């Protein structure tokens, strides 16, 4: 557990107080944790969804069908990025 001291503006303080009252929590710390656990996943969705993984796999598969396993030399890569 981490101890943090936070400064809340007036609106944020009201929101935390509403969350605290709505869920009958004992303090603002619990209210802040509840709010973060409820809405934090929207900001920190770390696990890739299956549809996204399948889409990327299909893109990679199509790329290999079209171009094979070609290698690019360092000179070609430098030229591509206009490094002289």
Protein backbone atom coordinates (compact mmCIF):
# COMPACT_ATOMS: atom_id res chain seq x y z
CA UNK A 1 0.00 0.00 0.00
CA UNK A 2 1.21 3.50 -0.82
CA UNK A 3 0.55 6.57 1.23
CA UNK A 4 -0.07 9.65 -0.91
CA UNK A 5 -0.94 13.20 -0.07
CA UNK A 6 -3.08 14.76 -2.78
CA UNK A 7 -4.44 18.22 -3.45
CA UNK A 8 -7.95 18.19 -4.89
CA UNK A 9 -9.68 21.09 -6.57
CA UNK A 10 -13.22 21.91 -5.47
CA UNK A 11 -14.94 19.80 -8.14
CA UNK A 12 -12.74 16.74 -7.54
CA UNK A 13 -13.41 17.02 -3.82
CA UNK A 14 -17.17 17.05 -4.49
CA UNK A 15 -16.91 13.98 -6.72
CA UNK A 16 -14.95 12.07 -4.08
CA UNK A 17 -17.46 13.07 -1.41
CA UNK A 18 -20.34 11.83 -3.60
CA UNK A 19 -18.57 8.50 -4.18
CA UNK A 20 -17.90 8.24 -0.44
CA UNK A 21 -21.58 8.86 0.40
CA UNK A 22 -22.98 6.71 -2.41
CA UNK A 23 -21.05 3.61 -1.36
CA UNK A 24 -21.09 4.34 2.41
CA UNK A 25 -17.31 4.42 2.59
CA UNK A 26 -15.52 5.50 5.76
CA UNK A 27 -13.09 8.01 4.26
CA UNK A 28 -11.93 9.78 1.10
CA UNK A 29 -9.12 7.28 0.67
CA UNK A 30 -11.63 4.45 0.20
CA UNK A 31 -13.69 6.68 -2.09
CA UNK A 32 -10.68 7.50 -4.23
CA UNK A 33 -9.74 3.80 -4.45
CA UNK A 34 -13.35 2.90 -5.42
CA UNK A 35 -13.37 5.58 -8.12
CA UNK A 36 -10.03 4.44 -9.51
CA UNK A 37 -11.02 0.77 -9.55
CA UNK A 38 -14.31 1.66 -11.26
CA UNK A 39 -12.94 3.97 -13.97
CA UNK A 40 -9.20 3.29 -14.07
CA UNK A 41 -9.42 0.37 -16.47
CA UNK A 42 -10.58 2.73 -19.22
CA UNK A 43 -7.24 4.51 -18.94
CA UNK A 44 -4.95 1.55 -18.28
CA UNK A 45 -6.32 -1.34 -20.31
CA UNK A 46 -3.08 -3.33 -20.31
CA UNK A 47 -4.35 -6.60 -21.71
CA UNK A 48 -4.83 -6.75 -25.45
CA UNK A 49 -8.28 -7.85 -26.49
CA UNK A 50 -8.54 -11.10 -28.45
CA UNK A 51 -9.99 -9.30 -31.48
CA UNK A 52 -6.99 -6.96 -31.59
CA UNK A 53 -4.48 -9.82 -31.32
CA UNK A 54 -6.26 -11.70 -34.11
CA UNK A 55 -6.24 -8.56 -36.28
CA UNK A 56 -2.49 -8.07 -35.77
CA UNK A 57 -1.80 -11.74 -36.48
CA UNK A 58 -3.79 -11.49 -39.72
CA UNK A 59 -1.85 -8.36 -40.77
CA UNK A 60 1.46 -10.13 -40.10
CA UNK A 61 0.33 -13.24 -41.96
CA UNK A 62 -0.75 -11.19 -44.99
CA UNK A 63 2.54 -9.31 -44.92
CA UNK A 64 4.55 -12.55 -45.00
CA UNK A 65 2.37 -13.92 -47.82
CA UNK A 66 3.00 -10.78 -49.85
CA UNK A 67 6.66 -10.08 -49.05
CA UNK A 68 8.02 -13.28 -47.54
CA UNK A 69 10.85 -13.13 -45.03
CA UNK A 70 12.94 -10.50 -46.78
CA UNK A 71 15.72 -8.76 -44.91
CA UNK A 72 16.62 -5.11 -45.30
CA UNK A 73 20.26 -4.06 -45.22
CA UNK A 74 21.39 -1.28 -42.93
CA UNK A 75 22.04 0.90 -45.97
CA UNK A 76 18.46 0.39 -47.20
CA UNK A 77 17.14 1.17 -43.74
CA UNK A 78 19.26 4.33 -43.51
CA UNK A 79 18.06 5.40 -46.97
CA UNK A 80 14.47 4.77 -45.95
CA UNK A 81 14.88 7.14 -43.01
CA UNK A 82 17.09 9.52 -45.02
CA UNK A 83 20.06 9.02 -42.75
CA UNK A 84 23.25 9.95 -44.55
